[in-house]
Amino acid sequence: MLVAVAAVRHRSMLAEGFRQLRTASWPWLLAAAGATCLTWVAAAVTRQGAVVQPLPKGRLLATQLAAASANHLLPTGLGAGAVNLRFMSVCGVPLARSSAALALYLLAECVGRLGLLAALLIAFPDALRLGTLLPAGPALPLLLGAAGLLAVAGAVPVLVRPLRRRVSSFVRDALGEARSVHARPARALALWGGSLAFPALQAAGLAAVGQALSLPVPAAHMALAYLAATVAVALVPTPGGLGSVEAALIVALIAVGGPAAVATAVVLAYRIITVWVPLVPGALTLGALVRLKVI
């Protein structure tokens, strides 16, 4: 409902963005689609790097396509996490180790994304006008309230003894799994290489769409805008980032110098390629994997 209200309020800008799509260059759009497909390969490599036990490569790759579709049904990546936990369980990985592998994957992905963002901010310190992205007015109390809720959620396991024991046991398992993974150079390379490749490929897809629509912004600045926007909306619990990612990307592309109408068209095309086109194939793959008891 909130996304619908926002779309109605900005309908003229959205309409102009859809009109701009007719001018897109198809080779660049195909390049963006190719980068999107490679993100599933990067996710599969990272997930294999997060667990010592070898996983069947073909089924692991298919699971990432299915997980991307499931991600649009549950908030904040819970769909992909559930699919991959089930897949590792079917492959014989104990629940404690598969949960630790999932936590390690999420940590590596976060470090990779923040690392790339920091590198681009250092390389292009004047590209992103952060003042346009910082919240003002009513948004600031909401963010402070969210921070307070996160602090309370973090304090509960510390103060409640049964939860504290469970959390301590999980942390021990996670640290043990991390040590085992990093004792194998091939696994560590897969974990950290894939975690850097995943956001880099996503940013490259957005840059390709920007080139397709002649957005007058350098490709590196578009990548910086993408990483800044996705980091900013990481805690917004919408399924598949629906609404929040679009809004943040448009604002970020405008912040690096893009015209509003073209930036809107770029984000619409990018989300169509990365979210809506793979949604049906991903859902069919998810159904087939459940039927074949792969997950």
C-alpha atoms as a PDB file:
ATOM      1  CA  MET A   1       0.000   0.000   0.000  1.00  0.00           C
ATOM      2  CA  LEU A   2       2.838   2.405   0.827  1.00  0.00           C
ATOM      3  CA  VAL A   3       4.531   1.652  -2.512  1.00  0.00           C
ATOM      4  CA  ALA A   4       1.236   2.270  -4.331  1.00  0.00           C
ATOM      5  CA  VAL A   5       0.747   5.614  -2.563  1.00  0.00           C
ATOM      6  CA  ALA A   6       4.306   6.677  -3.428  1.00  0.00           C
ATOM      7  CA  ALA A   7       3.796   5.633  -7.061  1.00  0.00           C
ATOM      8  CA  VAL A   8       0.585   7.668  -7.334  1.00  0.00           C
ATOM      9  CA  ARG A   9       2.242  10.732  -5.787  1.00  0.00           C
ATOM     10  CA  HIS A  10       5.118  10.529  -8.291  1.00  0.00           C
ATOM     11  CA  ARG A  11       3.103   9.248 -11.250  1.00  0.00           C
ATOM     12  CA  SER A  12       4.283  11.983 -13.626  1.00  0.00           C
ATOM     13  CA  MET A  13       7.949  11.092 -13.014  1.00  0.00           C
ATOM     14  CA  LEU A  14       7.195   7.377 -13.389  1.00  0.00           C
ATOM     15  CA  ALA A  15       5.295   8.000 -16.627  1.00  0.00           C
ATOM     16  CA  GLU A  16       8.235   9.964 -18.012  1.00  0.00           C
ATOM     17  CA  GLY A  17      10.565   7.169 -16.939  1.00  0.00           C
ATOM     18  CA  PHE A  18       8.496   4.568 -18.811  1.00  0.00           C
ATOM     19  CA  ARG A  19       8.530   6.802 -21.914  1.00  0.00           C
ATOM     20  CA  GLN A  20      12.323   6.964 -21.717  1.00  0.00           C
ATOM     21  CA  LEU A  21      12.510   3.148 -21.870  1.00  0.00           C
ATOM     22  CA  ARG A  22      11.638   3.231 -25.576  1.00  0.00           C
ATOM     23  CA  THR A  23      15.031   4.782 -26.326  1.00  0.00           C
ATOM     24  CA  ALA A  24      17.040   2.008 -24.621  1.00  0.00           C
ATOM     25  CA  SER A  25      19.918   0.306 -26.464  1.00  0.00           C
ATOM     26  CA  TRP A  26      19.237  -3.438 -26.514  1.00  0.00           C
ATOM     27  CA  PRO A  27      22.884  -4.647 -26.526  1.00  0.00           C
ATOM     28  CA  TRP A  28      23.495  -2.849 -23.220  1.00  0.00           C
ATOM     29  CA  LEU A  29      20.273  -4.305 -21.786  1.00  0.00           C
ATOM     30  CA  LEU A  30      21.449  -7.795 -22.797  1.00  0.00           C
ATOM     31  CA  ALA A  31      24.754  -7.062 -21.044  1.00  0.00           C
ATOM     32  CA  ALA A  32      22.798  -6.157 -17.900  1.00  0.00           C
ATOM     33  CA  ALA A  33      20.853  -9.422 -18.189  1.00  0.00           C
ATOM     34  CA  GLY A  34      24.141 -11.323 -18.505  1.00  0.00           C
ATOM     35  CA  ALA A  35      25.510  -9.617 -15.383  1.00  0.00           C
ATOM     36  CA  THR A  36      22.319 -10.600 -13.543  1.00  0.00           C
ATOM     37  CA  CYS A  37      22.776 -14.254 -14.513  1.00  0.00           C
ATOM     38  CA  LEU A  38      26.375 -14.132 -13.317  1.00  0.00           C
ATOM     39  CA  THR A  39      25.207 -12.932  -9.890  1.00  0.00           C
ATOM     40  CA  TRP A  40      23.645 -16.374  -9.366  1.00  0.00           C
ATOM     41  CA  VAL A  41      27.011 -17.963 -10.185  1.00  0.00           C
ATOM     42  CA  ALA A  42      28.741 -15.620  -7.722  1.00  0.00           C
ATOM     43  CA  ALA A  43      26.164 -16.466  -5.032  1.00  0.00           C
ATOM     44  CA  ALA A  44      26.709 -20.200  -5.634  1.00  0.00           C
ATOM     45  CA  VAL A  45      30.502 -19.800  -5.385  1.00  0.00           C
ATOM     46  CA  THR A  46      30.179 -17.815  -2.144  1.00  0.00           C
ATOM     47  CA  ARG A  47      27.808 -20.323  -0.581  1.00  0.00           C
ATOM     48  CA  GLN A  48      30.140 -23.204  -1.433  1.00  0.00           C
ATOM     49  CA  GLY A  49      33.004 -21.210   0.070  1.00  0.00           C
ATOM     50  CA  ALA A  50      31.053 -20.827   3.324  1.00  0.00           C
ATOM     51  CA  VAL A  51      30.834 -24.577   3.974  1.00  0.00           C
ATOM     52  CA  VAL A  52      33.593 -27.198   4.023  1.00  0.00           C
ATOM     53  CA  GLN A  53      31.480 -30.049   2.668  1.00  0.00           C
ATOM     54  CA  PRO A  54      31.366 -30.075  -1.178  1.00  0.00           C
ATOM     55  CA  LEU A  55      27.911 -29.352  -2.589  1.00  0.00           C
ATOM     56  CA  PRO A  56      26.607 -30.597  -5.973  1.00  0.00           C
ATOM     57  CA  LYS A  57      27.431 -27.747  -8.370  1.00  0.00           C
ATOM     58  CA  GLY A  58      24.457 -27.933 -10.738  1.00  0.00           C
ATOM     59  CA  ARG A  59      21.880 -28.178  -7.986  1.00  0.00           C
ATOM     60  CA  LEU A  60      23.649 -25.429  -6.013  1.00  0.00           C
ATOM     61  CA  LEU A  61      23.419 -23.066  -8.987  1.00  0.00           C
ATOM     62  CA  ALA A  62      19.754 -23.914  -9.603  1.00  0.00           C
ATOM     63  CA  THR A  63      19.062 -23.325  -5.918  1.00  0.00           C
ATOM     64  CA  GLN A  64      20.385 -19.749  -6.207  1.00  0.00           C
ATOM     65  CA  LEU A  65      17.887 -18.975  -8.980  1.00  0.00           C
ATOM     66  CA  ALA A  66      15.113 -20.482  -6.841  1.00  0.00           C
ATOM     67  CA  ALA A  67      16.346 -18.591  -3.775  1.00  0.00           C
ATOM     68  CA  ALA A  68      16.235 -15.290  -5.672  1.00  0.00           C
ATOM     69  CA  SER A  69      12.568 -15.933  -6.437  1.00  0.00           C
ATOM     70  CA  ALA A  70      11.782 -16.939  -2.832  1.00  0.00           C
ATOM     71  CA  ASN A  71      13.459 -13.737  -1.687  1.00  0.00           C
ATOM     72  CA  HIS A  72      10.550 -11.755  -3.148  1.00  0.00           C
ATOM     73  CA  LEU A  73       8.052 -13.524  -0.895  1.00  0.00           C
ATOM     74  CA  LEU A  74       9.696 -12.950   2.490  1.00  0.00           C
ATOM     75  CA  PRO A  75      11.358  -9.823   3.899  1.00  0.00           C
ATOM     76  CA  THR A  76      15.057  -9.038   4.231  1.00  0.00           C
ATOM     77  CA  GLY A  77      16.525 -12.101   2.525  1.00  0.00           C
ATOM     78  CA  LEU A  78      14.651 -14.663   4.649  1.00  0.00           C
ATOM     79  CA  GLY A  79      13.415 -16.500   1.552  1.00  0.00           C
ATOM     80  CA  ALA A  80      16.898 -17.121   0.150  1.00  0.00           C
ATOM     81  CA  GLY A  81      18.177 -18.127   3.586  1.00  0.00           C
ATOM     82  CA  ALA A  82      15.373 -20.657   4.064  1.00  0.00           C
ATOM     83  CA  VAL A  83      15.908 -22.201   0.610  1.00  0.00           C
ATOM     84  CA  ASN A  84      19.663 -22.555   1.104  1.00  0.00           C
ATOM     85  CA  LEU A  85      19.296 -23.963   4.628  1.00  0.00           C
ATOM     86  CA  ARG A  86      16.939 -26.608   3.308  1.00  0.00           C
ATOM     87  CA  PHE A  87      19.272 -27.386   0.396  1.00  0.00           C
ATOM     88  CA  MET A  88      22.273 -27.889   2.703  1.00  0.00           C
ATOM     89  CA  SER A  89      20.156 -30.040   5.015  1.00  0.00           C
ATOM     90  CA  VAL A  90      19.164 -32.311   2.121  1.00  0.00           C
ATOM     91  CA  CYS A  91      22.856 -32.488   1.139  1.00  0.00           C
ATOM     92  CA  GLY A  92      23.618 -33.872   4.599  1.00  0.00           C
ATOM     93  CA  VAL A  93      25.067 -30.778   6.256  1.00  0.00           C
ATOM     94  CA  PRO A  94      24.040 -30.719   9.965  1.00  0.00           C
ATOM     95  CA  LEU A  95      21.757 -27.857  10.970  1.00  0.00           C
ATOM     96  CA  ALA A  96      24.349 -26.217  13.225  1.00  0.00           C
ATOM     97  CA  ARG A  97      26.956 -26.175  10.439  1.00  0.00           C
ATOM     98  CA  SER A  98      24.497 -25.039   7.770  1.00  0.00           C
ATOM     99  CA  SER A  99      23.277 -22.204  10.011  1.00  0.00           C
ATOM    100  CA  ALA A 100      26.884 -21.204  10.678  1.00  0.00           C
ATOM    101  CA  ALA A 101      27.580 -21.309   6.930  1.00  0.00           C
ATOM    102  CA  LEU A 102      24.578 -19.071   6.288  1.00  0.00           C
ATOM    103  CA  ALA A 103      25.791 -16.569   8.904  1.00  0.00           C
ATOM    104  CA  LEU A 104      29.297 -16.632   7.375  1.00  0.00           C
ATOM    105  CA  TYR A 105      27.842 -16.042   3.912  1.00  0.00           C
ATOM    106  CA  LEU A 106      25.839 -13.047   5.129  1.00  0.00           C
ATOM    107  CA  LEU A 107      28.879 -11.618   6.903  1.00  0.00           C
ATOM    108  CA  ALA A 108      31.094 -12.047   3.826  1.00  0.00           C
ATOM    109  CA  GLU A 109      28.466 -10.481   1.556  1.00  0.00           C
ATOM    110  CA  CYS A 110      28.135  -7.513   3.903  1.00  0.00           C
ATOM    111  CA  VAL A 111      31.915  -7.047   4.132  1.00  0.00           C
ATOM    112  CA  GLY A 112      32.274  -7.321   0.356  1.00  0.00           C
ATOM    113  CA  ARG A 113      29.567  -4.737  -0.309  1.00  0.00           C
ATOM    114  CA  LEU A 114      30.887  -2.288   2.294  1.00  0.00           C
ATOM    115  CA  GLY A 115      34.454  -2.833   1.098  1.00  0.00           C
ATOM    116  CA  LEU A 116      33.571  -2.005  -2.509  1.00  0.00           C
ATOM    117  CA  LEU A 117      31.599   1.040  -1.370  1.00  0.00           C
ATOM    118  CA  ALA A 118      34.540   2.274   0.725  1.00  0.00           C
ATOM    119  CA  ALA A 119      36.961   1.741  -2.169  1.00  0.00           C
ATOM    120  CA  LEU A 120      34.764   3.729  -4.570  1.00  0.00           C
ATOM    121  CA  LEU A 121      34.225   6.506  -2.031  1.00  0.00           C
ATOM    122  CA  ILE A 122      38.006   6.792  -1.636  1.00  0.00           C
ATOM    123  CA  ALA A 123      38.571   6.734  -5.405  1.00  0.00           C
ATOM    124  CA  PHE A 124      35.750   9.197  -6.170  1.00  0.00           C
ATOM    125  CA  PRO A 125      35.267  11.308  -3.014  1.00  0.00           C
ATOM    126  CA  ASP A 126      33.250  14.026  -4.771  1.00  0.00           C
ATOM    127  CA  ALA A 127      31.001  11.772  -6.862  1.00  0.00           C
ATOM    128  CA  LEU A 128      28.213  11.286  -4.312  1.00  0.00           C
ATOM    129  CA  ARG A 129      26.611  14.312  -2.722  1.00  0.00           C
ATOM    130  CA  LEU A 130      25.698  12.692   0.591  1.00  0.00           C
ATOM    131  CA  GLY A 131      23.604  15.644   1.748  1.00  0.00           C
ATOM    132  CA  THR A 132      20.872  14.646  -0.697  1.00  0.00           C
ATOM    133  CA  LEU A 133      20.733  11.146   0.805  1.00  0.00           C
ATOM    134  CA  LEU A 134      20.684  12.020   4.502  1.00  0.00           C
ATOM    135  CA  PRO A 135      17.251  11.975   6.178  1.00  0.00           C
ATOM    136  CA  ALA A 136      15.675  15.144   7.463  1.00  0.00           C
ATOM    137  CA  GLY A 137      12.506  16.134   9.306  1.00  0.00           C
ATOM    138  CA  PRO A 138      10.229  13.239  10.341  1.00  0.00           C
ATOM    139  CA  ALA A 139      12.571  10.568   8.934  1.00  0.00           C
ATOM    140  CA  LEU A 140      15.254  11.155  11.559  1.00  0.00           C
ATOM    141  CA  PRO A 141      13.084  10.200  14.605  1.00  0.00           C
ATOM    142  CA  LEU A 142      11.977   7.072  12.726  1.00  0.00           C
ATOM    143  CA  LEU A 143      15.598   6.045  12.153  1.00  0.00           C
ATOM    144  CA  LEU A 144      16.454   6.728  15.793  1.00  0.00           C
ATOM    145  CA  GLY A 145      13.490   4.594  16.844  1.00  0.00           C
ATOM    146  CA  ALA A 146      14.645   1.783  14.549  1.00  0.00           C
ATOM    147  CA  ALA A 147      18.147   2.008  16.045  1.00  0.00           C
ATOM    148  CA  GLY A 148      16.633   1.764  19.537  1.00  0.00           C
ATOM    149  CA  LEU A 149      14.662  -1.355  18.575  1.00  0.00           C
ATOM    150  CA  LEU A 150      17.819  -2.961  17.174  1.00  0.00           C
ATOM    151  CA  ALA A 151      19.657  -2.179  20.406  1.00  0.00           C
ATOM    152  CA  VAL A 152      16.869  -3.798  22.450  1.00  0.00           C
ATOM    153  CA  ALA A 153      16.859  -6.847  20.165  1.00  0.00           C
ATOM    154  CA  GLY A 154      20.616  -7.184  20.614  1.00  0.00           C
ATOM    155  CA  ALA A 155      20.360  -6.864  24.400  1.00  0.00           C
ATOM    156  CA  VAL A 156      17.676  -9.552  24.841  1.00  0.00           C
ATOM    157  CA  PRO A 157      19.981 -12.565  24.150  1.00  0.00           C
ATOM    158  CA  VAL A 158      22.524 -11.121  26.571  1.00  0.00           C
ATOM    159  CA  LEU A 159      20.033 -10.649  29.407  1.00  0.00           C
ATOM    160  CA  VAL A 160      17.925 -13.840  29.016  1.00  0.00           C
ATOM    161  CA  ARG A 161      19.949 -16.835  30.182  1.00  0.00           C
ATOM    162  CA  PRO A 162      18.402 -19.598  27.976  1.00  0.00           C
ATOM    163  CA  LEU A 163      18.820 -17.419  24.916  1.00  0.00           C
ATOM    164  CA  ARG A 164      22.340 -16.499  25.974  1.00  0.00           C
ATOM    165  CA  ARG A 165      23.300 -20.193  26.105  1.00  0.00           C
ATOM    166  CA  ARG A 166      21.851 -20.819  22.648  1.00  0.00           C
ATOM    167  CA  VAL A 167      23.542 -17.775  21.173  1.00  0.00           C
ATOM    168  CA  SER A 168      26.868 -18.722  22.760  1.00  0.00           C
ATOM    169  CA  SER A 169      26.590 -22.246  21.349  1.00  0.00           C
ATOM    170  CA  PHE A 170      25.779 -20.871  17.892  1.00  0.00           C
ATOM    171  CA  VAL A 171      28.715 -18.445  18.008  1.00  0.00           C
ATOM    172  CA  ARG A 172      31.072 -21.304  18.929  1.00  0.00           C
ATOM    173  CA  ASP A 173      29.764 -23.395  16.021  1.00  0.00           C
ATOM    174  CA  ALA A 174      30.032 -20.428  13.647  1.00  0.00           C
ATOM    175  CA  LEU A 175      33.619 -19.651  14.683  1.00  0.00           C
ATOM    176  CA  GLY A 176      34.570 -23.305  14.312  1.00  0.00           C
ATOM    177  CA  GLU A 177      33.054 -23.446  10.831  1.00  0.00           C
ATOM    178  CA  ALA A 178      34.808 -20.205   9.867  1.00  0.00           C
ATOM    179  CA  ARG A 179      38.170 -21.613  11.012  1.00  0.00           C
ATOM    180  CA  SER A 180      37.584 -24.814   9.033  1.00  0.00           C
ATOM    181  CA  VAL A 181      36.695 -22.859   5.896  1.00  0.00           C
ATOM    182  CA  HIS A 182      39.712 -20.573   6.133  1.00  0.00           C
ATOM    183  CA  ALA A 183      42.007 -23.555   6.696  1.00  0.00           C
ATOM    184  CA  ARG A 184      41.270 -24.460   3.056  1.00  0.00           C
ATOM    185  CA  PRO A 185      42.582 -21.809   0.634  1.00  0.00           C
ATOM    186  CA  ALA A 186      40.156 -22.837  -2.124  1.00  0.00           C
ATOM    187  CA  ARG A 187      37.151 -22.374   0.174  1.00  0.00           C
ATOM    188  CA  ALA A 188      38.412 -19.028   1.505  1.00  0.00           C
ATOM    189  CA  LEU A 189      39.024 -17.785  -2.064  1.00  0.00           C
ATOM    190  CA  ALA A 190      35.529 -18.856  -3.111  1.00  0.00           C
ATOM    191  CA  LEU A 191      33.969 -17.199  -0.054  1.00  0.00           C
ATOM    192  CA  TRP A 192      35.656 -13.809  -0.353  1.00  0.00           C
ATOM    193  CA  GLY A 193      36.007 -13.753  -4.137  1.00  0.00           C
ATOM    194  CA  GLY A 194      32.320 -14.511  -4.586  1.00  0.00           C
ATOM    195  CA  SER A 195      31.315 -11.994  -1.923  1.00  0.00           C
ATOM    196  CA  LEU A 196      33.157  -9.256  -3.857  1.00  0.00           C
ATOM    197  CA  ALA A 197      31.954 -10.426  -7.263  1.00  0.00           C
ATOM    198  CA  PHE A 198      28.271 -10.494  -6.263  1.00  0.00           C
ATOM    199  CA  PRO A 199      27.759  -6.754  -5.541  1.00  0.00           C
ATOM    200  CA  ALA A 200      30.240  -5.839  -8.296  1.00  0.00           C
ATOM    201  CA  LEU A 201      28.116  -7.706 -10.859  1.00  0.00           C
ATOM    202  CA  GLN A 202      24.942  -6.090  -9.536  1.00  0.00           C
ATOM    203  CA  ALA A 203      26.537  -2.651  -9.857  1.00  0.00           C
ATOM    204  CA  ALA A 204      27.807  -3.533 -13.345  1.00  0.00           C
ATOM    205  CA  GLY A 205      24.256  -4.444 -14.352  1.00  0.00           C
ATOM    206  CA  LEU A 206      22.990  -1.034 -13.257  1.00  0.00           C
ATOM    207  CA  ALA A 207      25.863   0.677 -15.095  1.00  0.00           C
ATOM    208  CA  ALA A 208      24.986  -1.271 -18.255  1.00  0.00           C
ATOM    209  CA  VAL A 209      21.359  -0.138 -18.033  1.00  0.00           C
ATOM    210  CA  GLY A 210      22.601   3.424 -17.523  1.00  0.00           C
ATOM    211  CA  GLN A 211      24.623   3.128 -20.720  1.00  0.00           C
ATOM    212  CA  ALA A 212      21.586   1.711 -22.525  1.00  0.00           C
ATOM    213  CA  LEU A 213      19.565   4.808 -21.632  1.00  0.00           C
ATOM    214  CA  SER A 214      22.453   7.287 -22.079  1.00  0.00           C
ATOM    215  CA  LEU A 215      22.478   8.383 -18.441  1.00  0.00           C
ATOM    216  CA  PRO A 216      25.106  11.175 -18.345  1.00  0.00           C
ATOM    217  CA  VAL A 217      26.936   9.686 -15.349  1.00  0.00           C
ATOM    218  CA  PRO A 218      30.257   7.762 -15.418  1.00  0.00           C
ATOM    219  CA  ALA A 219      29.899   4.004 -14.902  1.00  0.00           C
ATOM    220  CA  ALA A 220      31.987   4.088 -11.713  1.00  0.00           C
ATOM    221  CA  HIS A 221      29.707   6.763 -10.261  1.00  0.00           C
ATOM    222  CA  MET A 222      26.656   4.639 -11.092  1.00  0.00           C
ATOM    223  CA  ALA A 223      28.273   1.700  -9.303  1.00  0.00           C
ATOM    224  CA  LEU A 224      28.922   3.952  -6.316  1.00  0.00           C
ATOM    225  CA  ALA A 225      25.288   5.094  -6.341  1.00  0.00           C
ATOM    226  CA  TYR A 226      24.098   1.480  -6.452  1.00  0.00           C
ATOM    227  CA  LEU A 227      26.245   0.363  -3.517  1.00  0.00           C
ATOM    228  CA  ALA A 228      25.321   3.413  -1.430  1.00  0.00           C
ATOM    229  CA  ALA A 229      21.603   2.895  -2.090  1.00  0.00           C
ATOM    230  CA  THR A 230      21.601  -0.833  -1.293  1.00  0.00           C
ATOM    231  CA  VAL A 231      23.578  -0.299   1.912  1.00  0.00           C
ATOM    232  CA  ALA A 232      21.123   2.440   2.931  1.00  0.00           C
ATOM    233  CA  VAL A 233      18.042   0.216   2.484  1.00  0.00           C
ATOM    234  CA  ALA A 234      19.566  -2.994   3.893  1.00  0.00           C
ATOM    235  CA  LEU A 235      17.509  -2.726   7.099  1.00  0.00           C
ATOM    236  CA  VAL A 236      14.192  -1.918   5.377  1.00  0.00           C
ATOM    237  CA  PRO A 237      12.208  -5.182   5.699  1.00  0.00           C
ATOM    238  CA  THR A 238      10.394  -5.263   2.352  1.00  0.00           C
ATOM    239  CA  PRO A 239      10.232  -8.485   0.294  1.00  0.00           C
ATOM    240  CA  GLY A 240      12.830  -8.203  -2.467  1.00  0.00           C
ATOM    241  CA  GLY A 241      13.413  -4.567  -1.523  1.00  0.00           C
ATOM    242  CA  LEU A 242      10.143  -3.672  -3.271  1.00  0.00           C
ATOM    243  CA  GLY A 243       9.702   0.088  -3.276  1.00  0.00           C
ATOM    244  CA  SER A 244      12.616   0.870  -0.980  1.00  0.00           C
ATOM    245  CA  VAL A 245      15.333  -0.142  -3.480  1.00  0.00           C
ATOM    246  CA  GLU A 246      13.671   1.757  -6.332  1.00  0.00           C
ATOM    247  CA  ALA A 247      13.337   4.929  -4.290  1.00  0.00           C
ATOM    248  CA  ALA A 248      16.893   4.751  -2.937  1.00  0.00           C
ATOM    249  CA  LEU A 249      18.387   4.033  -6.364  1.00  0.00           C
ATOM    250  CA  ILE A 250      16.587   6.961  -7.993  1.00  0.00           C
ATOM    251  CA  VAL A 251      17.726   9.309  -5.229  1.00  0.00           C
ATOM    252  CA  ALA A 252      21.297   7.986  -5.417  1.00  0.00           C
ATOM    253  CA  LEU A 253      21.504   8.336  -9.207  1.00  0.00           C
ATOM    254  CA  ILE A 254      20.227  11.899  -8.950  1.00  0.00           C
ATOM    255  CA  ALA A 255      22.815  12.487  -6.207  1.00  0.00           C
ATOM    256  CA  VAL A 256      25.645  11.541  -8.606  1.00  0.00           C
ATOM    257  CA  GLY A 257      24.358  13.936 -11.259  1.00  0.00           C
ATOM    258  CA  GLY A 258      21.710  12.046 -13.244  1.00  0.00           C
ATOM    259  CA  PRO A 259      18.542  13.765 -14.534  1.00  0.00           C
ATOM    260  CA  ALA A 260      15.450  12.639 -12.633  1.00  0.00           C
ATOM    261  CA  ALA A 261      13.527  11.265 -15.630  1.00  0.00           C
ATOM    262  CA  VAL A 262      16.454   9.274 -17.023  1.00  0.00           C
ATOM    263  CA  ALA A 263      17.432   8.036 -13.536  1.00  0.00           C
ATOM    264  CA  THR A 264      13.868   6.808 -13.049  1.00  0.00           C
ATOM    265  CA  ALA A 265      13.942   5.014 -16.404  1.00  0.00           C
ATOM    266  CA  VAL A 266      17.267   3.385 -15.530  1.00  0.00           C
ATOM    267  CA  VAL A 267      15.957   2.088 -12.201  1.00  0.00           C
ATOM    268  CA  LEU A 268      12.715   0.808 -13.757  1.00  0.00           C
ATOM    269  CA  ALA A 269      14.606  -1.058 -16.484  1.00  0.00           C
ATOM    270  CA  TYR A 270      17.135  -2.408 -14.004  1.00  0.00           C
ATOM    271  CA  ARG A 271      14.471  -3.750 -11.655  1.00  0.00           C
ATOM    272  CA  ILE A 272      12.543  -5.292 -14.563  1.00  0.00           C
ATOM    273  CA  ILE A 273      15.701  -7.145 -15.665  1.00  0.00           C
ATOM    274  CA  THR A 274      16.852  -8.215 -12.196  1.00  0.00           C
ATOM    275  CA  VAL A 275      13.533  -8.832 -10.418  1.00  0.00           C
ATOM    276  CA  TRP A 276      10.487  -9.215 -12.622  1.00  0.00           C
ATOM    277  CA  VAL A 277      11.887 -11.110 -15.639  1.00  0.00           C
ATOM    278  CA  PRO A 278      13.607 -13.848 -13.510  1.00  0.00           C
ATOM    279  CA  LEU A 279      10.650 -14.118 -11.118  1.00  0.00           C
ATOM    280  CA  VAL A 280       8.626 -16.714 -13.064  1.00  0.00           C
ATOM    281  CA  PRO A 281      11.625 -18.895 -14.086  1.00  0.00           C
ATOM    282  CA  GLY A 282      12.831 -18.728 -10.496  1.00  0.00           C
ATOM    283  CA  ALA A 283       9.422 -19.745  -9.134  1.00  0.00           C
ATOM    284  CA  LEU A 284       9.234 -22.658 -11.604  1.00  0.00           C
ATOM    285  CA  THR A 285      12.743 -23.737 -10.600  1.00  0.00           C
ATOM    286  CA  LEU A 286      11.777 -23.510  -6.928  1.00  0.00           C
ATOM    287  CA  GLY A 287       8.732 -25.701  -7.531  1.00  0.00           C
ATOM    288  CA  ALA A 288      10.771 -28.250  -9.492  1.00  0.00           C
ATOM    289  CA  LEU A 289      13.460 -28.443  -6.814  1.00  0.00           C
ATOM    290  CA  VAL A 290      10.850 -29.003  -4.109  1.00  0.00           C
ATOM    291  CA  ARG A 291       9.193 -31.692  -6.228  1.00  0.00           C
ATOM    292  CA  LEU A 292      12.518 -33.439  -6.862  1.00  0.00           C
ATOM    293  CA  LYS A 293      13.321 -33.178  -3.123  1.00  0.00           C
ATOM    294  CA  VAL A 294      16.481 -31.191  -3.829  1.00  0.00           C
ATOM    295  CA  ILE A 295      15.190 -28.737  -1.213  1.00  0.00           C
END
